[in-house]
Each structure stands twice: as C-alpha cells, then as structure tokens.
C-alpha cells in the first residue's frame, strides 16, 4: 500500500526535530565534545509533561541521552537569531533598498 503524499504537521515536526538533534550531535562529535569517559552525573527534577514532549519530539527514550542532546543543542546552537536582532536599527532609514 502506497504512503500518502502529504505528511502531517506533527510528523513533519518530528522529522525536523530528529534531523536537528542528529545534526547537533554530529557537530558536537566533530568538536570532540562527546569523547572521553562519562564521569559527570547531572541530575534535575523536571515536569513530566516537558520530558515526555521532549522525548516524543526527539525520539530519545533514555533520560541521560535526552539531557545530553539538550546540552549539545545549547553548545552548538546557531546564534543567528540573536545576531539578527542585535542588528536592529543599524541600517539608516533613508537607504534605498529598491532594486
């Protein structure tokens, strides 16, 4: 039986989330951030709904792997949005942007 041509928004978000997580993990691995022994224990109490949604979005089932993925995303995050917002008001209002 053939798969439908369209994918639900939920499925598209999960695919995008999986891709972002894999890309972030790959970057962290290339930078050597995932090498070495695992000697540090990180613990925290989280709302169960937050953890459940994060696991659903990433496809990660292990709490440790989920925390690792979250830390990786913080470290390798693209700062473009912050940079873009910091540029507000740096272009003179009288600049002609018409082509």
PDB file of N, CA and C in Angstrom:
ATOM      1  N   UNK A   1       0.831  -1.168   0.000  1.00  0.00           N
ATOM      2  CA  UNK A   1       0.000   0.000   0.000  1.00  0.00           C
ATOM      3  C   UNK A   1       0.883   1.241   0.000  1.00  0.00           C
ATOM      4  N   UNK A   2       0.600   2.202  -0.855  1.00  0.00           N
ATOM      5  CA  UNK A   2       1.415   3.397  -1.009  1.00  0.00           C
ATOM      6  C   UNK A   2       1.184   4.362   0.151  1.00  0.00           C
ATOM      7  N   UNK A   3       2.244   5.084   0.535  1.00  0.00           N
ATOM      8  CA  UNK A   3       2.149   6.098   1.568  1.00  0.00           C
ATOM      9  C   UNK A   3       1.495   7.349   0.993  1.00  0.00           C
ATOM     10  N   UNK A   4       0.707   8.081   1.766  1.00  0.00           N
ATOM     11  CA  UNK A   4       0.127   9.319   1.271  1.00  0.00           C
ATOM     12  C   UNK A   4       1.217  10.335   0.952  1.00  0.00           C
ATOM     13  N   UNK A   5       0.955  11.185  -0.037  1.00  0.00           N
ATOM     14  CA  UNK A   5       1.940  12.161  -0.487  1.00  0.00           C
ATOM     15  C   UNK A   5       2.200  13.234   0.559  1.00  0.00           C
ATOM     16  N   UNK A   6       1.215  13.545   1.372  1.00  0.00           N
ATOM     17  CA  UNK A   6       1.396  14.576   2.386  1.00  0.00           C
ATOM     18  C   UNK A   6       1.714  13.942   3.728  1.00  0.00           C
ATOM     19  N   UNK A   7       2.476  14.676   4.498  1.00  0.00           N
ATOM     20  CA  UNK A   7       2.835  14.231   5.835  1.00  0.00           C
ATOM     21  C   UNK A   7       2.201  15.198   6.822  1.00  0.00           C
ATOM     22  N   UNK A   8       1.666  14.661   7.909  1.00  0.00           N
ATOM     23  CA  UNK A   8       1.021  15.522   8.904  1.00  0.00           C
ATOM     24  C   UNK A   8       2.036  16.490   9.504  1.00  0.00           C
ATOM     25  N   UNK A   9       1.536  17.597  10.024  1.00  0.00           N
ATOM     26  CA  UNK A   9       2.419  18.584  10.652  1.00  0.00           C
ATOM     27  C   UNK A   9       3.179  17.986  11.820  1.00  0.00           C
ATOM     28  N   UNK A  10       2.504  17.145  12.586  1.00  0.00           N
ATOM     29  CA  UNK A  10       3.160  16.508  13.726  1.00  0.00           C
ATOM     30  C   UNK A  10       4.323  15.654  13.254  1.00  0.00           C
ATOM     31  N   UNK A  11       4.109  14.874  12.211  1.00  0.00           N
ATOM     32  CA  UNK A  11       5.172  14.027  11.673  1.00  0.00           C
ATOM     33  C   UNK A  11       6.302  14.882  11.103  1.00  0.00           C
ATOM     34  N   UNK A  12       5.965  15.990  10.428  1.00  0.00           N
ATOM     35  CA  UNK A  12       6.984  16.869   9.870  1.00  0.00           C
ATOM     36  C   UNK A  12       7.828  17.481  10.976  1.00  0.00           C
ATOM     37  N   UNK A  13       7.194  17.883  12.087  1.00  0.00           N
ATOM     38  CA  UNK A  13       7.932  18.450  13.207  1.00  0.00           C
ATOM     39  C   UNK A  13       8.862  17.418  13.816  1.00  0.00           C
ATOM     40  N   UNK A  14       8.386  16.155  13.932  1.00  0.00           N
ATOM     41  CA  UNK A  14       9.219  15.100  14.495  1.00  0.00           C
ATOM     42  C   UNK A  14      10.420  14.838  13.602  1.00  0.00           C
ATOM     43  N   UNK A  15      10.205  14.808  12.285  1.00  0.00           N
ATOM     44  CA  UNK A  15      11.307  14.593  11.345  1.00  0.00           C
ATOM     45  C   UNK A  15      12.319  15.725  11.465  1.00  0.00           C
ATOM     46  N   UNK A  16      11.833  16.967  11.511  1.00  0.00           N
ATOM     47  CA  UNK A  16      12.719  18.120  11.647  1.00  0.00           C
ATOM     48  C   UNK A  16      13.462  18.074  12.981  1.00  0.00           C
ATOM     49  N   UNK A  17      12.755  17.704  14.059  1.00  0.00           N
ATOM     50  CA  UNK A  17      13.387  17.593  15.369  1.00  0.00           C
ATOM     51  C   UNK A  17      14.460  16.525  15.383  1.00  0.00           C
ATOM     52  N   UNK A  18      14.173  15.384  14.768  1.00  0.00           N
ATOM     53  CA  UNK A  18      15.158  14.302  14.684  1.00  0.00           C
ATOM     54  C   UNK A  18      16.383  14.769  13.908  1.00  0.00           C
ATOM     55  N   UNK A  19      16.164  15.462  12.799  1.00  0.00           N
ATOM     56  CA  UNK A  19      17.262  15.935  11.949  1.00  0.00           C
ATOM     57  C   UNK A  19      18.115  16.948  12.706  1.00  0.00           C
ATOM     58  N   UNK A  20      17.465  17.887  13.408  1.00  0.00           N
ATOM     59  CA  UNK A  20      18.217  18.892  14.167  1.00  0.00           C
ATOM     60  C   UNK A  20      19.039  18.235  15.269  1.00  0.00           C
ATOM     61  N   UNK A  21      18.432  17.279  15.953  1.00  0.00           N
ATOM     62  CA  UNK A  21      19.153  16.589  17.027  1.00  0.00           C
ATOM     63  C   UNK A  21      20.342  15.831  16.466  1.00  0.00           C
ATOM     64  N   UNK A  22      20.137  15.107  15.377  1.00  0.00           N
ATOM     65  CA  UNK A  22      21.244  14.357  14.761  1.00  0.00           C
ATOM     66  C   UNK A  22      22.343  15.297  14.276  1.00  0.00           C
ATOM     67  N   UNK A  23      21.956  16.412  13.666  1.00  0.00           N
ATOM     68  CA  UNK A  23      22.948  17.380  13.198  1.00  0.00           C
ATOM     69  C   UNK A  23      23.736  17.963  14.360  1.00  0.00           C
ATOM     70  N   UNK A  24      23.051  18.332  15.430  1.00  0.00           N
ATOM     71  CA  UNK A  24      23.726  18.892  16.600  1.00  0.00           C
ATOM     72  C   UNK A  24      24.675  17.868  17.216  1.00  0.00           C
ATOM     73  N   UNK A  25      24.230  16.624  17.317  1.00  0.00           N
ATOM     74  CA  UNK A  25      25.091  15.569  17.876  1.00  0.00           C
ATOM     75  C   UNK A  25      26.317  15.357  16.988  1.00  0.00           C
ATOM     76  N   UNK A  26      26.131  15.427  15.688  1.00  0.00           N
ATOM     77  CA  UNK A  26      27.236  15.258  14.747  1.00  0.00           C
ATOM     78  C   UNK A  26      28.263  16.382  14.908  1.00  0.00           C
ATOM     79  N   UNK A  27      27.789  17.607  15.040  1.00  0.00           N
ATOM     80  CA  UNK A  27      28.686  18.744  15.243  1.00  0.00           C
ATOM     81  C   UNK A  27      29.451  18.588  16.552  1.00  0.00           C
ATOM     82  N   UNK A  28      28.747  18.199  17.601  1.00  0.00           N
ATOM     83  CA  UNK A  28      29.396  18.002  18.902  1.00  0.00           C
ATOM     84  C   UNK A  28      30.455  16.910  18.821  1.00  0.00           C
ATOM     85  N   UNK A  29      30.158  15.853  18.098  1.00  0.00           N
ATOM     86  CA  UNK A  29      31.127  14.757  17.943  1.00  0.00           C
ATOM     87  C   UNK A  29      32.355  15.249  17.188  1.00  0.00           C
ATOM     88  N   UNK A  30      32.141  16.015  16.112  1.00  0.00           N
ATOM     89  CA  UNK A  30      33.260  16.561  15.339  1.00  0.00           C
ATOM     90  C   UNK A  30      34.140  17.467  16.194  1.00  0.00           C
ATOM     91  N   UNK A  31      33.538  18.195  17.126  1.00  0.00           N
ATOM     92  CA  UNK A  31      34.283  19.098  18.001  1.00  0.00           C
ATOM     93  C   UNK A  31      34.935  18.362  19.174  1.00  0.00           C
ATOM     94  N   UNK A  32      34.692  17.058  19.278  1.00  0.00           N
ATOM     95  CA  UNK A  32      35.272  16.277  20.353  1.00  0.00           C
ATOM     96  C   UNK A  32      34.537  16.402  21.675  1.00  0.00           C
ATOM     97  N   UNK A  33      33.340  16.956  21.643  1.00  0.00           N
ATOM     98  CA  UNK A  33      32.595  17.173  22.886  1.00  0.00           C
ATOM     99  C   UNK A  33      31.992  15.893  23.454  1.00  0.00           C
ATOM    100  N   UNK A  34      31.895  14.863  22.654  1.00  0.00           N
ATOM    101  CA  UNK A  34      31.288  13.620  23.121  1.00  0.00           C
ATOM    102  C   UNK A  34      32.336  12.540  23.410  1.00  0.00           C
ATOM    103  N   UNK A  35      33.616  12.899  23.296  1.00  0.00           N
ATOM    104  CA  UNK A  35      34.665  11.913  23.538  1.00  0.00           C
ATOM    105  C   UNK A  35      35.026  11.878  25.020  1.00  0.00           C
ATOM    106  N   UNK A  36      35.729  10.855  25.398  1.00  0.00           N
ATOM    107  CA  UNK A  36      36.153  10.711  26.787  1.00  0.00           C
ATOM    108  C   UNK A  36      35.145   9.917  27.594  1.00  0.00           C
ATOM    109  N   UNK A  37      35.540   9.630  28.813  1.00  0.00           N
ATOM    110  CA  UNK A  37      34.667   8.835  29.669  1.00  0.00           C
ATOM    111  C   UNK A  37      33.548   9.702  30.232  1.00  0.00           C
ATOM    112  N   UNK A  38      32.498   9.049  30.590  1.00  0.00           N
ATOM    113  CA  UNK A  38      31.336   9.734  31.150  1.00  0.00           C
ATOM    114  C   UNK A  38      31.445   9.649  32.676  1.00  0.00           C
ATOM    115  N   UNK A  39      32.032  10.698  33.246  1.00  0.00           N
ATOM    116  CA  UNK A  39      32.307  10.685  34.680  1.00  0.00           C
ATOM    117  C   UNK A  39      31.435  11.649  35.475  1.00  0.00           C
ATOM    118  N   UNK A  40      30.788  12.585  34.808  1.00  0.00           N
ATOM    119  CA  UNK A  40      29.987  13.586  35.492  1.00  0.00           C
ATOM    120  C   UNK A  40      28.527  13.178  35.528  1.00  0.00           C
ATOM    121  N   UNK A  41      27.918  13.269  36.705  1.00  0.00           N
ATOM    122  CA  UNK A  41      26.494  12.985  36.853  1.00  0.00           C
ATOM    123  C   UNK A  41      25.750  14.306  36.941  1.00  0.00           C
ATOM    124  N   UNK A  42      24.736  14.453  36.094  1.00  0.00           N
ATOM    125  CA  UNK A  42      23.907  15.658  36.088  1.00  0.00           C
ATOM    126  C   UNK A  42      22.485  15.218  36.400  1.00  0.00           C
ATOM    127  N   UNK A  43      21.882  15.842  37.398  1.00  0.00           N
ATOM    128  CA  UNK A  43      20.525  15.476  37.792  1.00  0.00           C
ATOM    129  C   UNK A  43      19.665  16.722  37.888  1.00  0.00           C
ATOM    130  N   UNK A  44      18.386  16.514  37.747  1.00  0.00           N
ATOM    131  CA  UNK A  44      17.460  17.620  37.930  1.00  0.00           C
ATOM    132  C   UNK A  44      16.038  17.116  37.916  1.00  0.00           C
ATOM    133  N   UNK A  45      15.178  17.827  38.568  1.00  0.00           N
ATOM    134  CA  UNK A  45      13.757  17.481  38.575  1.00  0.00           C
ATOM    135  C   UNK A  45      13.074  18.311  37.500  1.00  0.00           C
ATOM    136  N   UNK A  46      12.339  17.633  36.653  1.00  0.00           N
ATOM    137  CA  UNK A  46      11.670  18.267  35.524  1.00  0.00           C
ATOM    138  C   UNK A  46      10.188  17.922  35.539  1.00  0.00           C
ATOM    139  N   UNK A  47       9.352  18.784  34.985  1.00  0.00           N
ATOM    140  CA  UNK A  47       7.940  18.438  34.823  1.00  0.00           C
ATOM    141  C   UNK A  47       7.817  17.244  33.875  1.00  0.00           C
ATOM    142  N   UNK A  48       7.041  16.254  34.250  1.00  0.00           N
ATOM    143  CA  UNK A  48       6.942  15.032  33.447  1.00  0.00           C
ATOM    144  C   UNK A  48       6.412  15.318  32.044  1.00  0.00           C
ATOM    145  N   UNK A  49       5.515  16.288  31.909  1.00  0.00           N
ATOM    146  CA  UNK A  49       4.986  16.626  30.587  1.00  0.00           C
ATOM    147  C   UNK A  49       6.067  17.170  29.666  1.00  0.00           C
ATOM    148  N   UNK A  50       6.968  17.982  30.212  1.00  0.00           N
ATOM    149  CA  UNK A  50       8.078  18.538  29.433  1.00  0.00           C
ATOM    150  C   UNK A  50       8.990  17.423  28.933  1.00  0.00           C
ATOM    151  N   UNK A  51       9.334  16.515  29.818  1.00  0.00           N
ATOM    152  CA  UNK A  51      10.207  15.396  29.449  1.00  0.00           C
ATOM    153  C   UNK A  51       9.526  14.516  28.408  1.00  0.00           C
ATOM    154  N   UNK A  52       8.250  14.219  28.602  1.00  0.00           N
ATOM    155  CA  UNK A  52       7.513  13.375  27.655  1.00  0.00           C
ATOM    156  C   UNK A  52       7.480  14.004  26.266  1.00  0.00           C
ATOM    157  N   UNK A  53       7.216  15.313  26.197  1.00  0.00           N
ATOM    158  CA  UNK A  53       7.174  16.002  24.893  1.00  0.00           C
ATOM    159  C   UNK A  53       8.553  16.034  24.246  1.00  0.00           C
ATOM    160  N   UNK A  54       9.598  16.274  25.040  1.00  0.00           N
ATOM    161  CA  UNK A  54      10.961  16.289  24.501  1.00  0.00           C
ATOM    162  C   UNK A  54      11.339  14.921  23.947  1.00  0.00           C
ATOM    163  N   UNK A  55      10.967  13.868  24.657  1.00  0.00           N
ATOM    164  CA  UNK A  55      11.249  12.513  24.181  1.00  0.00           C
ATOM    165  C   UNK A  55      10.472  12.220  22.908  1.00  0.00           C
ATOM    166  N   UNK A  56       9.224  12.664  22.871  1.00  0.00           N
ATOM    167  CA  UNK A  56       8.396  12.435  21.683  1.00  0.00           C
ATOM    168  C   UNK A  56       8.985  13.170  20.478  1.00  0.00           C
ATOM    169  N   UNK A  57       9.403  14.408  20.701  1.00  0.00           N
ATOM    170  CA  UNK A  57       9.924  15.224  19.602  1.00  0.00           C
ATOM    171  C   UNK A  57      11.255  14.698  19.083  1.00  0.00           C
ATOM    172  N   UNK A  58      12.106  14.220  19.985  1.00  0.00           N
ATOM    173  CA  UNK A  58      13.442  13.776  19.579  1.00  0.00           C
ATOM    174  C   UNK A  58      13.514  12.297  19.251  1.00  0.00           C
ATOM    175  N   UNK A  59      12.586  11.517  19.779  1.00  0.00           N
ATOM    176  CA  UNK A  59      12.669  10.072  19.602  1.00  0.00           C
ATOM    177  C   UNK A  59      13.649   9.421  20.562  1.00  0.00           C
ATOM    178  N   UNK A  60      14.150  10.191  21.517  1.00  0.00           N
ATOM    179  CA  UNK A  60      15.090   9.682  22.520  1.00  0.00           C
ATOM    180  C   UNK A  60      14.291   9.121  23.680  1.00  0.00           C
ATOM    181  N   UNK A  61      14.656   7.929  24.140  1.00  0.00           N
ATOM    182  CA  UNK A  61      13.931   7.288  25.231  1.00  0.00           C
ATOM    183  C   UNK A  61      14.684   7.363  26.558  1.00  0.00           C
ATOM    184  N   UNK A  62      15.996   7.478  26.501  1.00  0.00           N
ATOM    185  CA  UNK A  62      16.824   7.499  27.706  1.00  0.00           C
ATOM    186  C   UNK A  62      16.893   8.915  28.286  1.00  0.00           C
ATOM    187  N   UNK A  63      16.701   9.026  29.605  1.00  0.00           N
ATOM    188  CA  UNK A  63      16.815  10.331  30.264  1.00  0.00           C
ATOM    189  C   UNK A  63      18.222  10.907  30.088  1.00  0.00           C
ATOM    190  N   UNK A  64      19.238  10.064  30.238  1.00  0.00           N
ATOM    191  CA  UNK A  64      20.620  10.532  30.094  1.00  0.00           C
ATOM    192  C   UNK A  64      20.887  11.046  28.684  1.00  0.00           C
ATOM    193  N   UNK A  65      20.438  10.309  27.684  1.00  0.00           N
ATOM    194  CA  UNK A  65      20.641  10.728  26.291  1.00  0.00           C
ATOM    195  C   UNK A  65      19.862  12.009  25.994  1.00  0.00           C
ATOM    196  N   UNK A  66      18.692  12.152  26.603  1.00  0.00           N
ATOM    197  CA  UNK A  66      17.889  13.358  26.407  1.00  0.00           C
ATOM    198  C   UNK A  66      18.607  14.578  26.986  1.00  0.00           C
ATOM    199  N   UNK A  67      19.169  14.446  28.177  1.00  0.00           N
ATOM    200  CA  UNK A  67      19.930  15.542  28.788  1.00  0.00           C
ATOM    201  C   UNK A  67      21.154  15.856  27.938  1.00  0.00           C
ATOM    202  N   UNK A  68      21.820  14.818  27.446  1.00  0.00           N
ATOM    203  CA  UNK A  68      22.990  15.019  26.593  1.00  0.00           C
ATOM    204  C   UNK A  68      22.602  15.795  25.327  1.00  0.00           C
ATOM    205  N   UNK A  69      21.501  15.414  24.708  1.00  0.00           N
ATOM    206  CA  UNK A  69      21.038  16.096  23.492  1.00  0.00           C
ATOM    207  C   UNK A  69      20.700  17.557  23.796  1.00  0.00           C
ATOM    208  N   UNK A  70      20.084  17.814  24.941  1.00  0.00           N
ATOM    209  CA  UNK A  70      19.744  19.190  25.316  1.00  0.00           C
ATOM    210  C   UNK A  70      21.009  20.020  25.517  1.00  0.00           C
ATOM    211  N   UNK A  71      21.996  19.464  26.191  1.00  0.00           N
ATOM    212  CA  UNK A  71      23.254  20.178  26.406  1.00  0.00           C
ATOM    213  C   UNK A  71      23.975  20.429  25.085  1.00  0.00           C
ATOM    214  N   UNK A  72      23.975  19.431  24.221  1.00  0.00           N
ATOM    215  CA  UNK A  72      24.593  19.591  22.899  1.00  0.00           C
ATOM    216  C   UNK A  72      23.919  20.723  22.138  1.00  0.00           C
ATOM    217  N   UNK A  73      22.596  20.776  22.179  1.00  0.00           N
ATOM    218  CA  UNK A  73      21.880  21.837  21.475  1.00  0.00           C
ATOM    219  C   UNK A  73      22.238  23.214  22.023  1.00  0.00           C
ATOM    220  N   UNK A  74      22.457  23.326  23.312  1.00  0.00           N
ATOM    221  CA  UNK A  74      22.879  24.601  23.889  1.00  0.00           C
ATOM    222  C   UNK A  74      24.267  25.003  23.405  1.00  0.00           C
ATOM    223  N   UNK A  75      25.155  24.032  23.339  1.00  0.00           N
ATOM    224  CA  UNK A  75      26.547  24.316  22.988  1.00  0.00           C
ATOM    225  C   UNK A  75      26.714  24.635  21.504  1.00  0.00           C
ATOM    226  N   UNK A  76      26.042  23.919  20.651  1.00  0.00           N
ATOM    227  CA  UNK A  76      26.245  24.105  19.204  1.00  0.00           C
ATOM    228  C   UNK A  76      25.159  24.951  18.555  1.00  0.00           C
ATOM    229  N   UNK A  77      24.327  25.586  19.346  1.00  0.00           N
ATOM    230  CA  UNK A  77      23.219  26.377  18.813  1.00  0.00           C
ATOM    231  C   UNK A  77      23.716  27.472  17.886  1.00  0.00           C
ATOM    232  N   UNK A  78      22.948  27.708  16.853  1.00  0.00           N
ATOM    233  CA  UNK A  78      23.224  28.779  15.919  1.00  0.00           C
ATOM    234  C   UNK A  78      22.749  30.082  16.550  1.00  0.00           C
ATOM    235  N   UNK A  79      23.615  31.054  16.637  1.00  0.00           N
ATOM    236  CA  UNK A  79      23.278  32.327  17.270  1.00  0.00           C
ATOM    237  C   UNK A  79      22.759  33.359  16.272  1.00  0.00           C
ATOM    238  N   UNK A  80      22.314  32.915  15.111  1.00  0.00           N
ATOM    239  CA  UNK A  80      21.867  33.828  14.068  1.00  0.00           C
ATOM    240  C   UNK A  80      20.724  34.728  14.527  1.00  0.00           C
ATOM    241  N   UNK A  81      19.748  34.167  15.212  1.00  0.00           N
ATOM    242  CA  UNK A  81      18.599  34.970  15.650  1.00  0.00           C
ATOM    243  C   UNK A  81      19.052  36.100  16.575  1.00  0.00           C
ATOM    244  N   UNK A  82      19.931  35.800  17.507  1.00  0.00           N
ATOM    245  CA  UNK A  82      20.442  36.840  18.404  1.00  0.00           C
ATOM    246  C   UNK A  82      21.208  37.907  17.629  1.00  0.00           C
ATOM    247  N   UNK A  83      22.037  37.464  16.689  1.00  0.00           N
ATOM    248  CA  UNK A  83      22.793  38.410  15.871  1.00  0.00           C
ATOM    249  C   UNK A  83      21.843  39.294  15.063  1.00  0.00           C
ATOM    250  N   UNK A  84      20.852  38.677  14.436  1.00  0.00           N
ATOM    251  CA  UNK A  84      19.914  39.424  13.609  1.00  0.00           C
ATOM    252  C   UNK A  84      19.193  40.490  14.435  1.00  0.00           C
ATOM    253  N   UNK A  85      18.720  40.108  15.609  1.00  0.00           N
ATOM    254  CA  UNK A  85      18.035  41.069  16.470  1.00  0.00           C
ATOM    255  C   UNK A  85      18.974  42.181  16.927  1.00  0.00           C
ATOM    256  N   UNK A  86      20.245  41.873  17.108  1.00  0.00           N
ATOM    257  CA  UNK A  86      21.206  42.898  17.529  1.00  0.00           C
ATOM    258  C   UNK A  86      21.480  43.909  16.423  1.00  0.00           C
ATOM    259  N   UNK A  87      21.127  43.572  15.186  1.00  0.00           N
ATOM    260  CA  UNK A  87      21.358  44.471  14.047  1.00  0.00           C
ATOM    261  C   UNK A  87      20.240  45.489  13.865  1.00  0.00           C
ATOM    262  N   UNK A  88      19.180  45.365  14.627  1.00  0.00           N
ATOM    263  CA  UNK A  88      18.039  46.280  14.510  1.00  0.00           C
ATOM    264  C   UNK A  88      18.497  47.729  14.669  1.00  0.00           C
ATOM    265  N   UNK A  89      18.113  48.540  13.700  1.00  0.00           N
ATOM    266  CA  UNK A  89      18.442  49.955  13.754  1.00  0.00           C
ATOM    267  C   UNK A  89      19.826  50.303  13.248  1.00  0.00           C
ATOM    268  N   UNK A  90      20.581  49.355  12.724  1.00  0.00           N
ATOM    269  CA  UNK A  90      21.934  49.650  12.256  1.00  0.00           C
ATOM    270  C   UNK A  90      21.964  50.104  10.795  1.00  0.00           C
ATOM    271  N   UNK A  91      20.881  49.938  10.063  1.00  0.00           N
ATOM    272  CA  UNK A  91      20.791  50.408   8.688  1.00  0.00           C
ATOM    273  C   UNK A  91      20.008  51.714   8.703  1.00  0.00           C
ATOM    274  N   UNK A  92      20.572  52.737   8.081  1.00  0.00           N
ATOM    275  CA  UNK A  92      19.913  54.042   8.044  1.00  0.00           C
ATOM    276  C   UNK A  92      18.546  53.919   7.368  1.00  0.00           C
ATOM    277  N   UNK A  93      17.581  54.629   7.899  1.00  0.00           N
ATOM    278  CA  UNK A  93      16.209  54.576   7.356  1.00  0.00           C
ATOM    279  C   UNK A  93      16.130  55.099   5.920  1.00  0.00           C
ATOM    280  N   UNK A  94      17.045  55.959   5.516  1.00  0.00           N
ATOM    281  CA  UNK A  94      16.974  56.538   4.174  1.00  0.00           C
ATOM    282  C   UNK A  94      17.698  55.709   3.106  1.00  0.00           C
ATOM    283  N   UNK A  95      18.180  54.541   3.449  1.00  0.00           N
ATOM    284  CA  UNK A  95      18.843  53.674   2.469  1.00  0.00           C
ATOM    285  C   UNK A  95      17.791  53.164   1.487  1.00  0.00           C
ATOM    286  N   UNK A  96      18.093  53.281   0.204  1.00  0.00           N
ATOM    287  CA  UNK A  96      17.173  52.819  -0.846  1.00  0.00           C
ATOM    288  C   UNK A  96      17.400  51.328  -1.065  1.00  0.00           C
ATOM    289  N   UNK A  97      16.433  50.518  -0.708  1.00  0.00           N
ATOM    290  CA  UNK A  97      16.553  49.073  -0.852  1.00  0.00           C
ATOM    291  C   UNK A  97      15.839  48.555  -2.096  1.00  0.00           C
ATOM    292  N   UNK A  98      15.351  49.453  -2.943  1.00  0.00           N
ATOM    293  CA  UNK A  98      14.694  49.035  -4.183  1.00  0.00           C
ATOM    294  C   UNK A  98      15.750  48.627  -5.187  1.00  0.00           C
ATOM    295  N   UNK A  99      15.430  47.603  -5.969  1.00  0.00           N
ATOM    296  CA  UNK A  99      16.390  47.126  -6.978  1.00  0.00           C
ATOM    297  C   UNK A  99      16.053  47.697  -8.299  1.00  0.00           C
TER     298      UNK A  99
END
